[in-house]
Amino acid sequence: GKQNCISSSTRGKKRFMNNKPPVFKGGYDPDDAQTWLEGIEMIFGAMRCLDEHRVLLGGYVLHDEADHWWRNAKQRLEVGGAFITWARFKR
């Protein structure tokens, strides 16, 4: 049958990481962020990732400043009861 991105979270993460996704560390250059998003979305497309899996996997390749930002943003959104979609993550 059709297999989506994550049939089990550890296997999905391993498949994702095997594709050597680009890492994003943050910073103020919007071109860097755009390049990172394009690279990661190509992998998501190839893996047929569902929206909620994209958010989970996208968080794995945020490092340094970007990781710190994501942890804070995620906490604020979850406390507010918001469901974090890929579209919201990208903003």
C-alpha atoms as a PDB file:
ATOM      1  CA  GLY A   1       0.000   0.000   0.000  1.00  0.00           C
ATOM      2  CA  LYS A   2       0.895   3.657   0.014  1.00  0.00           C
ATOM      3  CA  GLN A   3       3.416   4.484   2.653  1.00  0.00           C
ATOM      4  CA  ASN A   4       3.464   7.955   4.059  1.00  0.00           C
ATOM      5  CA  CYS A   5       6.356   9.804   5.573  1.00  0.00           C
ATOM      6  CA  ILE A   6       6.190   8.382   9.090  1.00  0.00           C
ATOM      7  CA  SER A   7       4.763   4.935   9.622  1.00  0.00           C
ATOM      8  CA  SER A   8       6.684   4.836  12.884  1.00  0.00           C
ATOM      9  CA  SER A   9       8.296   7.988  14.200  1.00  0.00           C
ATOM     10  CA  THR A  10      11.799   6.540  14.566  1.00  0.00           C
ATOM     11  CA  ARG A  11      11.746   4.981  11.112  1.00  0.00           C
ATOM     12  CA  GLY A  12      10.364   8.177   9.622  1.00  0.00           C
ATOM     13  CA  LYS A  13      13.038  10.274  11.288  1.00  0.00           C
ATOM     14  CA  LYS A  14      15.732   7.870  10.069  1.00  0.00           C
ATOM     15  CA  ARG A  15      14.394   7.997   6.483  1.00  0.00           C
ATOM     16  CA  PHE A  16      14.260  11.772   6.688  1.00  0.00           C
ATOM     17  CA  MET A  17      17.817  12.088   8.032  1.00  0.00           C
ATOM     18  CA  ASN A  18      19.096   9.633   5.376  1.00  0.00           C
ATOM     19  CA  ASN A  19      18.036  12.236   2.796  1.00  0.00           C
ATOM     20  CA  LYS A  20      20.587  14.617   4.368  1.00  0.00           C
ATOM     21  CA  PRO A  21      18.177  17.494   4.995  1.00  0.00           C
ATOM     22  CA  PRO A  22      19.740  20.944   5.224  1.00  0.00           C
ATOM     23  CA  VAL A  23      20.259  22.313   8.725  1.00  0.00           C
ATOM     24  CA  PHE A  24      19.044  25.795   9.601  1.00  0.00           C
ATOM     25  CA  LYS A  25      20.719  27.721  12.421  1.00  0.00           C
ATOM     26  CA  GLY A  26      18.756  30.951  12.227  1.00  0.00           C
ATOM     27  CA  GLY A  27      20.071  34.402  11.533  1.00  0.00           C
ATOM     28  CA  TYR A  28      18.733  37.381   9.670  1.00  0.00           C
ATOM     29  CA  ASP A  29      19.231  36.373   6.038  1.00  0.00           C
ATOM     30  CA  PRO A  30      15.826  35.582   4.496  1.00  0.00           C
ATOM     31  CA  ASP A  31      17.578  33.907   1.529  1.00  0.00           C
ATOM     32  CA  ASP A  32      19.112  31.337   3.892  1.00  0.00           C
ATOM     33  CA  ALA A  33      15.689  30.555   5.333  1.00  0.00           C
ATOM     34  CA  GLN A  34      14.156  30.285   1.851  1.00  0.00           C
ATOM     35  CA  THR A  35      16.937  27.978   0.633  1.00  0.00           C
ATOM     36  CA  TRP A  36      16.474  25.791   3.718  1.00  0.00           C
ATOM     37  CA  LEU A  37      12.697  25.612   3.192  1.00  0.00           C
ATOM     38  CA  GLU A  38      13.050  24.697  -0.480  1.00  0.00           C
ATOM     39  CA  GLY A  39      15.551  21.945   0.326  1.00  0.00           C
ATOM     40  CA  ILE A  40      13.470  20.473   3.097  1.00  0.00           C
ATOM     41  CA  GLU A  41      10.210  20.641   1.126  1.00  0.00           C
ATOM     42  CA  MET A  42      11.794  18.671  -1.724  1.00  0.00           C
ATOM     43  CA  ILE A  43      12.510  15.871   0.757  1.00  0.00           C
ATOM     44  CA  PHE A  44       8.996  16.092   2.223  1.00  0.00           C
ATOM     45  CA  GLY A  45       7.532  15.786  -1.276  1.00  0.00           C
ATOM     46  CA  ALA A  46       9.647  12.739  -2.090  1.00  0.00           C
ATOM     47  CA  MET A  47       8.674  11.133   1.222  1.00  0.00           C
ATOM     48  CA  ARG A  48       4.970  12.063   0.863  1.00  0.00           C
ATOM     49  CA  CYS A  49       4.923  13.717   4.294  1.00  0.00           C
ATOM     50  CA  LEU A  50       1.666  14.772   5.874  1.00  0.00           C
ATOM     51  CA  ASP A  51       1.464  18.293   7.253  1.00  0.00           C
ATOM     52  CA  GLU A  52       1.846  17.295  10.914  1.00  0.00           C
ATOM     53  CA  HIS A  53       4.898  15.160  10.111  1.00  0.00           C
ATOM     54  CA  ARG A  54       6.542  18.093   8.338  1.00  0.00           C
ATOM     55  CA  VAL A  55       6.370  20.163  11.526  1.00  0.00           C
ATOM     56  CA  LEU A  56       7.864  17.348  13.597  1.00  0.00           C
ATOM     57  CA  LEU A  57      10.675  16.577  11.152  1.00  0.00           C
ATOM     58  CA  GLY A  58      11.365  20.222  10.350  1.00  0.00           C
ATOM     59  CA  GLY A  59      12.041  20.812  14.038  1.00  0.00           C
ATOM     60  CA  TYR A  60      14.781  18.149  14.016  1.00  0.00           C
ATOM     61  CA  VAL A  61      17.009  20.153  11.675  1.00  0.00           C
ATOM     62  CA  LEU A  62      16.779  23.496  13.437  1.00  0.00           C
ATOM     63  CA  HIS A  63      19.972  24.187  15.364  1.00  0.00           C
ATOM     64  CA  ASP A  64      21.363  26.949  17.574  1.00  0.00           C
ATOM     65  CA  GLU A  65      19.343  30.174  17.362  1.00  0.00           C
ATOM     66  CA  ALA A  66      16.659  28.614  15.147  1.00  0.00           C
ATOM     67  CA  ASP A  67      16.156  25.729  17.588  1.00  0.00           C
ATOM     68  CA  HIS A  68      15.847  28.152  20.510  1.00  0.00           C
ATOM     69  CA  TRP A  69      13.281  30.220  18.572  1.00  0.00           C
ATOM     70  CA  TRP A  70      11.276  27.094  17.637  1.00  0.00           C
ATOM     71  CA  ARG A  71      11.110  25.750  21.199  1.00  0.00           C
ATOM     72  CA  ASN A  72       9.754  29.101  22.455  1.00  0.00           C
ATOM     73  CA  ALA A  73       7.292  29.516  19.577  1.00  0.00           C
ATOM     74  CA  LYS A  74       6.030  25.936  19.905  1.00  0.00           C
ATOM     75  CA  GLN A  75       5.517  26.326  23.644  1.00  0.00           C
ATOM     76  CA  ARG A  76       3.575  29.583  23.197  1.00  0.00           C
ATOM     77  CA  LEU A  77       1.384  28.112  20.451  1.00  0.00           C
ATOM     78  CA  GLU A  78       0.652  24.924  22.395  1.00  0.00           C
ATOM     79  CA  VAL A  79      -0.212  26.879  25.560  1.00  0.00           C
ATOM     80  CA  GLY A  80      -2.621  28.926  23.439  1.00  0.00           C
ATOM     81  CA  GLY A  81      -4.189  25.682  22.206  1.00  0.00           C
ATOM     82  CA  ALA A  82      -3.119  26.290  18.605  1.00  0.00           C
ATOM     83  CA  PHE A  83      -2.498  23.379  16.254  1.00  0.00           C
ATOM     84  CA  ILE A  84       0.838  23.925  14.555  1.00  0.00           C
ATOM     85  CA  THR A  85       0.495  23.440  10.811  1.00  0.00           C
ATOM     86  CA  TRP A  86       3.363  23.450   8.320  1.00  0.00           C
ATOM     87  CA  ALA A  87       2.108  26.787   6.954  1.00  0.00           C
ATOM     88  CA  ARG A  88       2.270  28.284  10.459  1.00  0.00           C
ATOM     89  CA  PHE A  89       5.711  26.738  11.054  1.00  0.00           C
ATOM     90  CA  LYS A  90       7.052  28.362   7.857  1.00  0.00           C
ATOM     91  CA  ARG A  91       5.922  31.827   8.971  1.00  0.00           C
END
